[in-house]
């Protein structure tokens, strides 16, 4: 019996399945399988055409995305928003898939597929080996046919040139820093609070303890000019709690009415709509990244990535019992990473 067999037997008798490293032999490289494109110039030519067709499809997809961006401009009509998103996404998808699938098909059918095994080197290679590596790269370039197959090369260049354009157009259309546009909303002194989206004015008597109202300025209803833009800035959550629960500074004691408080609905993290209210904890939660605000303590952040409290809308009640705004928000609404300065 060999020493290796004795070691295995002793390990098994002791309950340990230990095998010496030299017992695992190198399985070697599997026999090379010749592809049809290696044997038949006709198949190789067809494969090259297929790769070029995929790259051309990528070019068409990118061009289609550019067309869709201008053909379906974003308006207040949600149908155009859906069409813009759908067709723009389809075009960008085709642009990316055409390049990806084309590159994979090229590698699998036309590039050399011989498997090799190389020893790993811990230290940096010598100058001779580096020179040899460059020669290998040049050889790979020659074998892949990149410089020789003009159809593939040109369509790849075209696909790579067109693919980034939809993204550049979209990012370029984001516009300037929105900080200045967020400093003021259409809330002003005397504006009545109305239910979203019907525009029905709200009386203080309608708001019971624990109830939550999604609020917009009166007159801001679907169909009005710049409806979506103004609503995105002016949206408010109206909540009523027990008056003795509120923790208010001297300045803000006049901003609420008998436990009714109004805060911006736009999260100060990245602008998601804060729409979840926990009555027992008096917490407002943002569903996007779980930022949590304490409603009874100035909507201060108690959890999550948001860095600022939600801006408060000062309110009062008129002679008819309707809730009205005293002024605009006390500070710009929206994410903290935009340029915002608190009013002194």
C-alpha atoms as a PDB file:
ATOM      1  CA  UNK A   1       0.000   0.000   0.000  1.00  0.00           C
ATOM      2  CA  UNK A   2       1.373   3.455  -0.930  1.00  0.00           C
ATOM      3  CA  UNK A   3       1.985   6.172   1.663  1.00  0.00           C
ATOM      4  CA  UNK A   4      -0.880   8.211   0.178  1.00  0.00           C
ATOM      5  CA  UNK A   5      -3.335   5.307   0.579  1.00  0.00           C
ATOM      6  CA  UNK A   6      -2.150   4.776   4.166  1.00  0.00           C
ATOM      7  CA  UNK A   7      -2.768   8.454   4.968  1.00  0.00           C
ATOM      8  CA  UNK A   8      -6.303   8.283   3.550  1.00  0.00           C
ATOM      9  CA  UNK A   9      -7.032   5.052   5.477  1.00  0.00           C
ATOM     10  CA  UNK A  10      -5.746   6.508   8.768  1.00  0.00           C
ATOM     11  CA  UNK A  11      -7.874   9.629   8.208  1.00  0.00           C
ATOM     12  CA  UNK A  12     -10.999   7.575   7.557  1.00  0.00           C
ATOM     13  CA  UNK A  13     -10.383   5.420  10.665  1.00  0.00           C
ATOM     14  CA  UNK A  14     -10.049   8.532  12.800  1.00  0.00           C
ATOM     15  CA  UNK A  15     -13.277  10.003  11.383  1.00  0.00           C
ATOM     16  CA  UNK A  16     -11.481  12.777   9.506  1.00  0.00           C
ATOM     17  CA  UNK A  17     -11.776  13.022   5.724  1.00  0.00           C
ATOM     18  CA  UNK A  18      -8.359  14.571   5.208  1.00  0.00           C
ATOM     19  CA  UNK A  19      -6.563  14.116   1.911  1.00  0.00           C
ATOM     20  CA  UNK A  20      -3.122  15.456   1.228  1.00  0.00           C
ATOM     21  CA  UNK A  21      -2.959  18.265  -1.339  1.00  0.00           C
ATOM     22  CA  UNK A  22      -0.952  16.098  -3.758  1.00  0.00           C
ATOM     23  CA  UNK A  23      -3.923  13.700  -3.863  1.00  0.00           C
ATOM     24  CA  UNK A  24      -5.860  16.297  -5.958  1.00  0.00           C
ATOM     25  CA  UNK A  25      -4.460  16.150  -9.442  1.00  0.00           C
ATOM     26  CA  UNK A  26      -4.716  18.808 -12.123  1.00  0.00           C
ATOM     27  CA  UNK A  27      -7.625  17.739 -14.348  1.00  0.00           C
ATOM     28  CA  UNK A  28      -6.044  19.489 -17.275  1.00  0.00           C
ATOM     29  CA  UNK A  29      -7.769  21.346 -20.081  1.00  0.00           C
ATOM     30  CA  UNK A  30     -10.743  19.834 -21.860  1.00  0.00           C
ATOM     31  CA  UNK A  31     -10.255  18.913 -25.508  1.00  0.00           C
ATOM     32  CA  UNK A  32     -10.890  21.817 -27.826  1.00  0.00           C
ATOM     33  CA  UNK A  33     -14.161  21.686 -29.721  1.00  0.00           C
ATOM     34  CA  UNK A  34     -13.958  23.111 -33.200  1.00  0.00           C
ATOM     35  CA  UNK A  35     -16.792  25.516 -34.030  1.00  0.00           C
ATOM     36  CA  UNK A  36     -18.544  25.739 -37.371  1.00  0.00           C
ATOM     37  CA  UNK A  37     -17.147  29.232 -37.825  1.00  0.00           C
ATOM     38  CA  UNK A  38     -13.651  27.766 -37.463  1.00  0.00           C
ATOM     39  CA  UNK A  39     -14.269  25.191 -40.180  1.00  0.00           C
ATOM     40  CA  UNK A  40     -16.488  27.069 -42.600  1.00  0.00           C
ATOM     41  CA  UNK A  41     -15.708  30.525 -44.021  1.00  0.00           C
ATOM     42  CA  UNK A  42     -19.391  30.768 -44.944  1.00  0.00           C
ATOM     43  CA  UNK A  43     -20.470  30.353 -41.317  1.00  0.00           C
ATOM     44  CA  UNK A  44     -17.812  32.834 -40.204  1.00  0.00           C
ATOM     45  CA  UNK A  45     -19.101  35.382 -42.702  1.00  0.00           C
ATOM     46  CA  UNK A  46     -22.688  34.867 -41.546  1.00  0.00           C
ATOM     47  CA  UNK A  47     -21.610  35.293 -37.927  1.00  0.00           C
ATOM     48  CA  UNK A  48     -19.847  38.538 -38.787  1.00  0.00           C
ATOM     49  CA  UNK A  49     -23.028  39.778 -40.457  1.00  0.00           C
ATOM     50  CA  UNK A  50     -25.063  38.844 -37.396  1.00  0.00           C
ATOM     51  CA  UNK A  51     -22.702  40.779 -35.115  1.00  0.00           C
ATOM     52  CA  UNK A  52     -22.870  43.782 -37.419  1.00  0.00           C
ATOM     53  CA  UNK A  53     -26.674  43.502 -37.487  1.00  0.00           C
ATOM     54  CA  UNK A  54     -26.795  43.582 -33.684  1.00  0.00           C
ATOM     55  CA  UNK A  55     -24.576  46.648 -33.597  1.00  0.00           C
ATOM     56  CA  UNK A  56     -26.796  48.256 -36.238  1.00  0.00           C
ATOM     57  CA  UNK A  57     -29.823  47.412 -34.072  1.00  0.00           C
ATOM     58  CA  UNK A  58     -28.108  49.235 -31.211  1.00  0.00           C
ATOM     59  CA  UNK A  59     -27.656  52.255 -33.452  1.00  0.00           C
ATOM     60  CA  UNK A  60     -31.349  52.180 -34.426  1.00  0.00           C
ATOM     61  CA  UNK A  61     -32.370  51.832 -30.771  1.00  0.00           C
ATOM     62  CA  UNK A  62     -30.311  54.856 -29.730  1.00  0.00           C
ATOM     63  CA  UNK A  63     -31.697  56.857 -32.654  1.00  0.00           C
ATOM     64  CA  UNK A  64     -35.234  55.787 -31.723  1.00  0.00           C
ATOM     65  CA  UNK A  65     -34.655  56.938 -28.142  1.00  0.00           C
ATOM     66  CA  UNK A  66     -33.562  60.356 -29.387  1.00  0.00           C
ATOM     67  CA  UNK A  67     -36.641  60.570 -31.603  1.00  0.00           C
ATOM     68  CA  UNK A  68     -38.966  59.511 -28.784  1.00  0.00           C
ATOM     69  CA  UNK A  69     -37.529  62.142 -26.454  1.00  0.00           C
ATOM     70  CA  UNK A  70     -38.536  64.942 -28.828  1.00  0.00           C
ATOM     71  CA  UNK A  71     -41.657  63.294 -30.283  1.00  0.00           C
ATOM     72  CA  UNK A  72     -43.280  62.868 -26.846  1.00  0.00           C
ATOM     73  CA  UNK A  73     -42.291  65.921 -24.796  1.00  0.00           C
ATOM     74  CA  UNK A  74     -43.136  65.916 -21.108  1.00  0.00           C
ATOM     75  CA  UNK A  75     -46.289  67.893 -20.416  1.00  0.00           C
ATOM     76  CA  UNK A  76     -48.938  67.997 -17.733  1.00  0.00           C
ATOM     77  CA  UNK A  77     -50.769  65.231 -19.611  1.00  0.00           C
ATOM     78  CA  UNK A  78     -49.838  61.935 -17.941  1.00  0.00           C
ATOM     79  CA  UNK A  79     -50.364  60.064 -21.231  1.00  0.00           C
ATOM     80  CA  UNK A  80     -47.439  61.891 -22.831  1.00  0.00           C
ATOM     81  CA  UNK A  81     -45.352  61.186 -19.732  1.00  0.00           C
ATOM     82  CA  UNK A  82     -46.100  57.472 -20.042  1.00  0.00           C
ATOM     83  CA  UNK A  83     -45.356  57.457 -23.777  1.00  0.00           C
ATOM     84  CA  UNK A  84     -42.116  59.350 -23.282  1.00  0.00           C
ATOM     85  CA  UNK A  85     -40.991  56.934 -20.566  1.00  0.00           C
ATOM     86  CA  UNK A  86     -42.031  53.835 -22.519  1.00  0.00           C
ATOM     87  CA  UNK A  87     -40.501  54.665 -25.891  1.00  0.00           C
ATOM     88  CA  UNK A  88     -37.394  56.258 -24.429  1.00  0.00           C
ATOM     89  CA  UNK A  89     -36.839  53.143 -22.308  1.00  0.00           C
ATOM     90  CA  UNK A  90     -37.364  50.828 -25.274  1.00  0.00           C
ATOM     91  CA  UNK A  91     -34.858  52.748 -27.372  1.00  0.00           C
ATOM     92  CA  UNK A  92     -32.189  52.839 -24.656  1.00  0.00           C
ATOM     93  CA  UNK A  93     -32.751  49.127 -23.980  1.00  0.00           C
ATOM     94  CA  UNK A  94     -32.242  48.233 -27.630  1.00  0.00           C
ATOM     95  CA  UNK A  95     -29.142  50.415 -27.734  1.00  0.00           C
ATOM     96  CA  UNK A  96     -27.577  48.646 -24.780  1.00  0.00           C
ATOM     97  CA  UNK A  97     -28.687  45.113 -25.653  1.00  0.00           C
ATOM     98  CA  UNK A  98     -27.477  45.466 -29.238  1.00  0.00           C
ATOM     99  CA  UNK A  99     -23.965  46.297 -28.072  1.00  0.00           C
ATOM    100  CA  UNK A 100     -23.932  43.669 -25.316  1.00  0.00           C
ATOM    101  CA  UNK A 101     -25.358  40.761 -27.282  1.00  0.00           C
ATOM    102  CA  UNK A 102     -23.318  41.694 -30.344  1.00  0.00           C
ATOM    103  CA  UNK A 103     -20.080  41.701 -28.359  1.00  0.00           C
ATOM    104  CA  UNK A 104     -20.912  38.314 -26.784  1.00  0.00           C
ATOM    105  CA  UNK A 105     -21.841  36.779 -30.140  1.00  0.00           C
ATOM    106  CA  UNK A 106     -18.634  38.126 -31.647  1.00  0.00           C
ATOM    107  CA  UNK A 107     -16.547  36.597 -28.852  1.00  0.00           C
ATOM    108  CA  UNK A 108     -18.292  33.220 -28.964  1.00  0.00           C
ATOM    109  CA  UNK A 109     -18.297  32.709 -32.720  1.00  0.00           C
ATOM    110  CA  UNK A 110     -15.353  34.580 -34.202  1.00  0.00           C
ATOM    111  CA  UNK A 111     -12.725  35.236 -31.559  1.00  0.00           C
ATOM    112  CA  UNK A 112     -10.266  32.437 -30.642  1.00  0.00           C
ATOM    113  CA  UNK A 113     -11.651  30.147 -27.932  1.00  0.00           C
ATOM    114  CA  UNK A 114      -8.635  27.995 -27.118  1.00  0.00           C
ATOM    115  CA  UNK A 115      -8.291  27.501 -23.358  1.00  0.00           C
ATOM    116  CA  UNK A 116      -4.884  28.142 -21.830  1.00  0.00           C
ATOM    117  CA  UNK A 117      -3.402  27.772 -18.369  1.00  0.00           C
ATOM    118  CA  UNK A 118      -0.778  30.139 -17.022  1.00  0.00           C
ATOM    119  CA  UNK A 119       1.161  30.175 -13.783  1.00  0.00           C
ATOM    120  CA  UNK A 120       0.533  33.067 -11.471  1.00  0.00           C
ATOM    121  CA  UNK A 121       3.433  35.369 -10.721  1.00  0.00           C
ATOM    122  CA  UNK A 122       3.592  37.137  -7.385  1.00  0.00           C
ATOM    123  CA  UNK A 123       6.225  39.663  -8.428  1.00  0.00           C
ATOM    124  CA  UNK A 124       6.074  42.071 -11.332  1.00  0.00           C
ATOM    125  CA  UNK A 125       7.030  40.632 -14.663  1.00  0.00           C
ATOM    126  CA  UNK A 126      10.342  41.373 -16.285  1.00  0.00           C
ATOM    127  CA  UNK A 127      10.703  43.724 -19.228  1.00  0.00           C
ATOM    128  CA  UNK A 128      10.959  40.758 -21.568  1.00  0.00           C
ATOM    129  CA  UNK A 129       7.672  39.340 -20.300  1.00  0.00           C
ATOM    130  CA  UNK A 130       5.992  42.709 -20.561  1.00  0.00           C
ATOM    131  CA  UNK A 131       7.148  42.971 -24.134  1.00  0.00           C
ATOM    132  CA  UNK A 132       5.812  39.465 -24.703  1.00  0.00           C
ATOM    133  CA  UNK A 133       2.470  40.524 -23.209  1.00  0.00           C
ATOM    134  CA  UNK A 134       2.255  43.375 -25.696  1.00  0.00           C
ATOM    135  CA  UNK A 135       2.921  40.924 -28.470  1.00  0.00           C
ATOM    136  CA  UNK A 136       0.128  38.723 -27.139  1.00  0.00           C
ATOM    137  CA  UNK A 137      -2.245  41.695 -27.164  1.00  0.00           C
ATOM    138  CA  UNK A 138      -1.275  42.485 -30.720  1.00  0.00           C
ATOM    139  CA  UNK A 139      -1.762  38.847 -31.635  1.00  0.00           C
ATOM    140  CA  UNK A 140      -5.188  38.838 -29.968  1.00  0.00           C
ATOM    141  CA  UNK A 141      -6.118  41.923 -31.945  1.00  0.00           C
ATOM    142  CA  UNK A 142      -5.072  40.165 -35.112  1.00  0.00           C
ATOM    143  CA  UNK A 143      -6.903  36.942 -34.272  1.00  0.00           C
ATOM    144  CA  UNK A 144     -10.103  38.703 -33.192  1.00  0.00           C
ATOM    145  CA  UNK A 145     -10.270  40.338 -36.583  1.00  0.00           C
ATOM    146  CA  UNK A 146     -10.986  43.778 -35.135  1.00  0.00           C
ATOM    147  CA  UNK A 147      -8.772  45.557 -37.637  1.00  0.00           C
ATOM    148  CA  UNK A 148      -9.540  43.097 -40.414  1.00  0.00           C
ATOM    149  CA  UNK A 149     -13.346  42.906 -40.121  1.00  0.00           C
ATOM    150  CA  UNK A 150     -14.309  46.411 -41.212  1.00  0.00           C
ATOM    151  CA  UNK A 151     -18.078  45.805 -41.095  1.00  0.00           C
ATOM    152  CA  UNK A 152     -18.012  44.795 -37.451  1.00  0.00           C
ATOM    153  CA  UNK A 153     -15.604  47.555 -36.503  1.00  0.00           C
ATOM    154  CA  UNK A 154     -17.575  50.321 -38.183  1.00  0.00           C
ATOM    155  CA  UNK A 155     -20.949  49.249 -36.835  1.00  0.00           C
ATOM    156  CA  UNK A 156     -19.447  48.929 -33.343  1.00  0.00           C
ATOM    157  CA  UNK A 157     -18.069  52.450 -33.600  1.00  0.00           C
ATOM    158  CA  UNK A 158     -21.472  53.693 -34.688  1.00  0.00           C
ATOM    159  CA  UNK A 159     -23.290  51.887 -31.866  1.00  0.00           C
ATOM    160  CA  UNK A 160     -20.841  53.170 -29.236  1.00  0.00           C
ATOM    161  CA  UNK A 161     -21.083  56.700 -30.624  1.00  0.00           C
ATOM    162  CA  UNK A 162     -24.885  56.835 -30.609  1.00  0.00           C
ATOM    163  CA  UNK A 163     -25.629  54.943 -27.415  1.00  0.00           C
ATOM    164  CA  UNK A 164     -24.572  57.686 -24.921  1.00  0.00           C
ATOM    165  CA  UNK A 165     -26.542  60.423 -26.705  1.00  0.00           C
ATOM    166  CA  UNK A 166     -29.981  59.715 -25.148  1.00  0.00           C
ATOM    167  CA  UNK A 167     -28.428  59.788 -21.694  1.00  0.00           C
ATOM    168  CA  UNK A 168     -26.610  63.047 -22.434  1.00  0.00           C
ATOM    169  CA  UNK A 169     -29.832  64.610 -23.711  1.00  0.00           C
ATOM    170  CA  UNK A 170     -31.749  63.518 -20.614  1.00  0.00           C
ATOM    171  CA  UNK A 171     -29.108  64.725 -18.151  1.00  0.00           C
ATOM    172  CA  UNK A 172     -28.654  67.942 -20.055  1.00  0.00           C
ATOM    173  CA  UNK A 173     -32.375  68.631 -19.803  1.00  0.00           C
ATOM    174  CA  UNK A 174     -32.358  68.452 -16.013  1.00  0.00           C
ATOM    175  CA  UNK A 175     -31.811  72.175 -16.080  1.00  0.00           C
ATOM    176  CA  UNK A 176     -30.054  74.476 -13.620  1.00  0.00           C
ATOM    177  CA  UNK A 177     -29.837  74.011  -9.887  1.00  0.00           C
ATOM    178  CA  UNK A 178     -33.449  74.155  -8.666  1.00  0.00           C
ATOM    179  CA  UNK A 179     -32.569  75.853  -5.411  1.00  0.00           C
ATOM    180  CA  UNK A 180     -33.870  79.291  -6.399  1.00  0.00           C
ATOM    181  CA  UNK A 181     -37.113  77.913  -7.824  1.00  0.00           C
ATOM    182  CA  UNK A 182     -37.819  76.134  -4.537  1.00  0.00           C
ATOM    183  CA  UNK A 183     -37.465  79.208  -2.335  1.00  0.00           C
ATOM    184  CA  UNK A 184     -41.052  80.209  -3.048  1.00  0.00           C
ATOM    185  CA  UNK A 185     -44.275  78.339  -3.788  1.00  0.00           C
ATOM    186  CA  UNK A 186     -47.725  79.623  -4.734  1.00  0.00           C
ATOM    187  CA  UNK A 187     -48.764  79.644  -1.069  1.00  0.00           C
ATOM    188  CA  UNK A 188     -49.372  83.202   0.084  1.00  0.00           C
ATOM    189  CA  UNK A 189     -51.228  85.018   2.822  1.00  0.00           C
ATOM    190  CA  UNK A 190     -54.932  84.239   2.730  1.00  0.00           C
ATOM    191  CA  UNK A 191     -54.747  81.203   0.412  1.00  0.00           C
ATOM    192  CA  UNK A 192     -57.303  78.626   1.511  1.00  0.00           C
ATOM    193  CA  UNK A 193     -56.198  75.037   2.088  1.00  0.00           C
ATOM    194  CA  UNK A 194     -57.974  72.652  -0.295  1.00  0.00           C
ATOM    195  CA  UNK A 195     -58.174  68.890  -0.612  1.00  0.00           C
ATOM    196  CA  UNK A 196     -55.970  67.262  -3.207  1.00  0.00           C
ATOM    197  CA  UNK A 197     -56.955  66.721  -6.023  1.00  0.00           C
ATOM    198  CA  UNK A 198     -60.523  68.042  -5.934  1.00  0.00           C
ATOM    199  CA  UNK A 199     -59.769  71.539  -4.694  1.00  0.00           C
ATOM    200  CA  UNK A 200     -62.456  71.539  -1.987  1.00  0.00           C
ATOM    201  CA  UNK A 201     -61.688  74.094   0.764  1.00  0.00           C
ATOM    202  CA  UNK A 202     -61.153  72.617   4.230  1.00  0.00           C
ATOM    203  CA  UNK A 203     -62.779  73.824   7.425  1.00  0.00           C
ATOM    204  CA  UNK A 204     -61.053  73.348  10.758  1.00  0.00           C
ATOM    205  CA  UNK A 205     -64.127  71.491  11.987  1.00  0.00           C
ATOM    206  CA  UNK A 206     -63.609  68.899   9.228  1.00  0.00           C
ATOM    207  CA  UNK A 207     -60.214  67.880  10.614  1.00  0.00           C
ATOM    208  CA  UNK A 208     -60.594  65.385  13.438  1.00  0.00           C
ATOM    209  CA  UNK A 209     -57.808  64.188  15.729  1.00  0.00           C
ATOM    210  CA  UNK A 210     -55.658  61.601  13.929  1.00  0.00           C
ATOM    211  CA  UNK A 211     -56.974  62.441  10.480  1.00  0.00           C
ATOM    212  CA  UNK A 212     -54.609  63.254   7.618  1.00  0.00           C
ATOM    213  CA  UNK A 213     -55.404  65.484   4.648  1.00  0.00           C
ATOM    214  CA  UNK A 214     -53.388  65.809   1.456  1.00  0.00           C
ATOM    215  CA  UNK A 215     -53.576  69.517   0.738  1.00  0.00           C
ATOM    216  CA  UNK A 216     -52.884  71.932  -2.117  1.00  0.00           C
ATOM    217  CA  UNK A 217     -53.570  75.675  -2.459  1.00  0.00           C
ATOM    218  CA  UNK A 218     -57.134  76.465  -3.478  1.00  0.00           C
ATOM    219  CA  UNK A 219     -57.399  76.798  -7.238  1.00  0.00           C
ATOM    220  CA  UNK A 220     -54.567  74.390  -7.993  1.00  0.00           C
ATOM    221  CA  UNK A 221     -56.476  71.645  -9.807  1.00  0.00           C
ATOM    222  CA  UNK A 222     -55.653  69.427 -12.819  1.00  0.00           C
ATOM    223  CA  UNK A 223     -55.705  71.516 -15.962  1.00  0.00           C
ATOM    224  CA  UNK A 224     -54.347  74.714 -14.455  1.00  0.00           C
ATOM    225  CA  UNK A 225     -51.136  76.179 -15.845  1.00  0.00           C
ATOM    226  CA  UNK A 226     -47.964  74.477 -14.572  1.00  0.00           C
ATOM    227  CA  UNK A 227     -50.123  72.233 -12.408  1.00  0.00           C
ATOM    228  CA  UNK A 228     -47.575  69.455 -11.849  1.00  0.00           C
ATOM    229  CA  UNK A 229     -44.650  71.814 -11.203  1.00  0.00           C
ATOM    230  CA  UNK A 230     -46.555  73.933  -8.690  1.00  0.00           C
ATOM    231  CA  UNK A 231     -48.110  70.927  -6.956  1.00  0.00           C
ATOM    232  CA  UNK A 232     -44.691  69.295  -6.597  1.00  0.00           C
ATOM    233  CA  UNK A 233     -43.554  72.273  -4.525  1.00  0.00           C
ATOM    234  CA  UNK A 234     -46.747  73.250  -2.695  1.00  0.00           C
ATOM    235  CA  UNK A 235     -48.052  69.821  -1.583  1.00  0.00           C
ATOM    236  CA  UNK A 236     -48.859  69.740   2.136  1.00  0.00           C
ATOM    237  CA  UNK A 237     -49.867  67.220   4.781  1.00  0.00           C
ATOM    238  CA  UNK A 238     -52.466  68.495   7.246  1.00  0.00           C
ATOM    239  CA  UNK A 239     -52.805  66.622  10.548  1.00  0.00           C
ATOM    240  CA  UNK A 240     -54.620  67.246  13.816  1.00  0.00           C
ATOM    241  CA  UNK A 241     -53.263  66.052  17.155  1.00  0.00           C
ATOM    242  CA  UNK A 242     -54.088  66.810  20.773  1.00  0.00           C
ATOM    243  CA  UNK A 243     -52.999  70.437  21.328  1.00  0.00           C
ATOM    244  CA  UNK A 244     -51.107  69.568  24.523  1.00  0.00           C
ATOM    245  CA  UNK A 245     -48.944  67.126  22.541  1.00  0.00           C
ATOM    246  CA  UNK A 246     -47.408  69.836  20.381  1.00  0.00           C
ATOM    247  CA  UNK A 247     -43.900  70.993  21.241  1.00  0.00           C
ATOM    248  CA  UNK A 248     -43.723  74.485  19.743  1.00  0.00           C
ATOM    249  CA  UNK A 249     -41.287  77.349  19.969  1.00  0.00           C
ATOM    250  CA  UNK A 250     -42.598  80.797  20.839  1.00  0.00           C
ATOM    251  CA  UNK A 251     -42.348  81.788  17.195  1.00  0.00           C
ATOM    252  CA  UNK A 252     -44.364  78.813  15.957  1.00  0.00           C
ATOM    253  CA  UNK A 253     -47.145  78.769  18.540  1.00  0.00           C
ATOM    254  CA  UNK A 254     -49.224  80.951  16.230  1.00  0.00           C
ATOM    255  CA  UNK A 255     -48.542  78.728  13.183  1.00  0.00           C
ATOM    256  CA  UNK A 256     -51.011  76.032  14.224  1.00  0.00           C
ATOM    257  CA  UNK A 257     -54.680  76.032  15.194  1.00  0.00           C
ATOM    258  CA  UNK A 258     -56.030  73.913  18.050  1.00  0.00           C
ATOM    259  CA  UNK A 259     -53.629  71.051  17.271  1.00  0.00           C
ATOM    260  CA  UNK A 260     -53.895  71.360  13.472  1.00  0.00           C
ATOM    261  CA  UNK A 261     -50.480  71.620  11.820  1.00  0.00           C
ATOM    262  CA  UNK A 262     -49.418  71.721   8.161  1.00  0.00           C
ATOM    263  CA  UNK A 263     -46.056  70.576   6.853  1.00  0.00           C
ATOM    264  CA  UNK A 264     -44.492  70.227   3.423  1.00  0.00           C
ATOM    265  CA  UNK A 265     -45.070  66.823   1.887  1.00  0.00           C
ATOM    266  CA  UNK A 266     -41.686  66.865   0.124  1.00  0.00           C
ATOM    267  CA  UNK A 267     -39.008  64.885   1.957  1.00  0.00           C
ATOM    268  CA  UNK A 268     -35.841  66.834   2.714  1.00  0.00           C
ATOM    269  CA  UNK A 269     -33.688  63.868   1.672  1.00  0.00           C
ATOM    270  CA  UNK A 270     -34.263  63.407  -2.078  1.00  0.00           C
ATOM    271  CA  UNK A 271     -37.748  64.826  -2.541  1.00  0.00           C
ATOM    272  CA  UNK A 272     -40.011  61.773  -2.246  1.00  0.00           C
ATOM    273  CA  UNK A 273     -43.582  62.399  -1.037  1.00  0.00           C
ATOM    274  CA  UNK A 274     -43.954  61.870   2.711  1.00  0.00           C
ATOM    275  CA  UNK A 275     -47.372  60.262   2.957  1.00  0.00           C
ATOM    276  CA  UNK A 276     -47.358  57.793   5.860  1.00  0.00           C
ATOM    277  CA  UNK A 277     -48.566  58.878   9.318  1.00  0.00           C
ATOM    278  CA  UNK A 278     -48.365  56.832  12.512  1.00  0.00           C
ATOM    279  CA  UNK A 279     -51.003  58.209  14.845  1.00  0.00           C
ATOM    280  CA  UNK A 280     -49.709  56.515  17.994  1.00  0.00           C
ATOM    281  CA  UNK A 281     -46.133  57.791  17.594  1.00  0.00           C
ATOM    282  CA  UNK A 282     -47.022  60.986  15.693  1.00  0.00           C
ATOM    283  CA  UNK A 283     -44.369  60.130  13.134  1.00  0.00           C
ATOM    284  CA  UNK A 284     -44.404  60.977   9.442  1.00  0.00           C
ATOM    285  CA  UNK A 285     -42.516  58.449   7.312  1.00  0.00           C
ATOM    286  CA  UNK A 286     -41.002  58.715   3.858  1.00  0.00           C
ATOM    287  CA  UNK A 287     -41.497  55.420   1.965  1.00  0.00           C
ATOM    288  CA  UNK A 288     -38.410  55.835  -0.220  1.00  0.00           C
ATOM    289  CA  UNK A 289     -35.576  55.734   2.327  1.00  0.00           C
ATOM    290  CA  UNK A 290     -37.447  55.521   5.638  1.00  0.00           C
ATOM    291  CA  UNK A 291     -36.703  59.021   6.866  1.00  0.00           C
ATOM    292  CA  UNK A 292     -38.928  59.632   9.894  1.00  0.00           C
ATOM    293  CA  UNK A 293     -40.134  63.014  11.178  1.00  0.00           C
ATOM    294  CA  UNK A 294     -41.673  63.839  14.559  1.00  0.00           C
ATOM    295  CA  UNK A 295     -44.877  65.711  13.725  1.00  0.00           C
ATOM    296  CA  UNK A 296     -45.457  67.105  17.229  1.00  0.00           C
ATOM    297  CA  UNK A 297     -41.887  68.417  17.590  1.00  0.00           C
ATOM    298  CA  UNK A 298     -41.491  70.614  14.535  1.00  0.00           C
ATOM    299  CA  UNK A 299     -41.184  67.599  12.196  1.00  0.00           C
ATOM    300  CA  UNK A 300     -37.610  67.069  13.327  1.00  0.00           C
ATOM    301  CA  UNK A 301     -35.761  64.068  11.880  1.00  0.00           C
ATOM    302  CA  UNK A 302     -35.755  61.129  14.294  1.00  0.00           C
ATOM    303  CA  UNK A 303     -34.536  58.449  11.890  1.00  0.00           C
ATOM    304  CA  UNK A 304     -33.163  58.034   8.395  1.00  0.00           C
ATOM    305  CA  UNK A 305     -30.926  59.954   5.993  1.00  0.00           C
ATOM    306  CA  UNK A 306     -32.884  63.230   5.874  1.00  0.00           C
ATOM    307  CA  UNK A 307     -30.866  66.105   7.333  1.00  0.00           C
ATOM    308  CA  UNK A 308     -33.540  68.777   7.876  1.00  0.00           C
ATOM    309  CA  UNK A 309     -37.042  68.979   9.369  1.00  0.00           C
ATOM    310  CA  UNK A 310     -39.982  69.331   7.006  1.00  0.00           C
ATOM    311  CA  UNK A 311     -40.794  73.019   6.385  1.00  0.00           C
ATOM    312  CA  UNK A 312     -43.950  74.162   8.190  1.00  0.00           C
ATOM    313  CA  UNK A 313     -46.775  76.120   6.572  1.00  0.00           C
ATOM    314  CA  UNK A 314     -48.215  78.678   9.026  1.00  0.00           C
ATOM    315  CA  UNK A 315     -52.038  78.519   9.066  1.00  0.00           C
ATOM    316  CA  UNK A 316     -55.027  80.290  10.613  1.00  0.00           C
ATOM    317  CA  UNK A 317     -58.828  80.055  10.525  1.00  0.00           C
ATOM    318  CA  UNK A 318     -60.987  82.762   8.927  1.00  0.00           C
ATOM    319  CA  UNK A 319     -64.385  84.007  10.051  1.00  0.00           C
ATOM    320  CA  UNK A 320     -66.136  81.256   8.077  1.00  0.00           C
ATOM    321  CA  UNK A 321     -64.057  78.531   9.713  1.00  0.00           C
ATOM    322  CA  UNK A 322     -61.876  77.772   6.669  1.00  0.00           C
ATOM    323  CA  UNK A 323     -58.173  77.067   7.056  1.00  0.00           C
ATOM    324  CA  UNK A 324     -55.914  79.576   5.325  1.00  0.00           C
ATOM    325  CA  UNK A 325     -52.167  80.082   4.972  1.00  0.00           C
ATOM    326  CA  UNK A 326     -50.524  82.918   6.866  1.00  0.00           C
ATOM    327  CA  UNK A 327     -47.693  83.038   4.336  1.00  0.00           C
ATOM    328  CA  UNK A 328     -45.448  80.806   2.257  1.00  0.00           C
ATOM    329  CA  UNK A 329     -43.285  78.124   3.908  1.00  0.00           C
ATOM    330  CA  UNK A 330     -40.731  79.426   6.375  1.00  0.00           C
ATOM    331  CA  UNK A 331     -37.896  77.954   4.272  1.00  0.00           C
ATOM    332  CA  UNK A 332     -37.386  76.422   0.814  1.00  0.00           C
ATOM    333  CA  UNK A 333     -38.933  73.002   0.359  1.00  0.00           C
ATOM    334  CA  UNK A 334     -37.208  69.953  -1.033  1.00  0.00           C
ATOM    335  CA  UNK A 335     -33.969  68.015  -0.602  1.00  0.00           C
ATOM    336  CA  UNK A 336     -31.210  69.399   1.558  1.00  0.00           C
ATOM    337  CA  UNK A 337     -28.488  68.916  -1.047  1.00  0.00           C
ATOM    338  CA  UNK A 338     -29.995  71.746  -3.110  1.00  0.00           C
ATOM    339  CA  UNK A 339     -28.938  75.244  -2.237  1.00  0.00           C
ATOM    340  CA  UNK A 340     -31.273  76.241   0.592  1.00  0.00           C
ATOM    341  CA  UNK A 341     -31.000  79.032   3.103  1.00  0.00           C
ATOM    342  CA  UNK A 342     -33.301  79.367   6.116  1.00  0.00           C
ATOM    343  CA  UNK A 343     -34.960  82.726   6.483  1.00  0.00           C
ATOM    344  CA  UNK A 344     -33.738  84.660   9.460  1.00  0.00           C
END
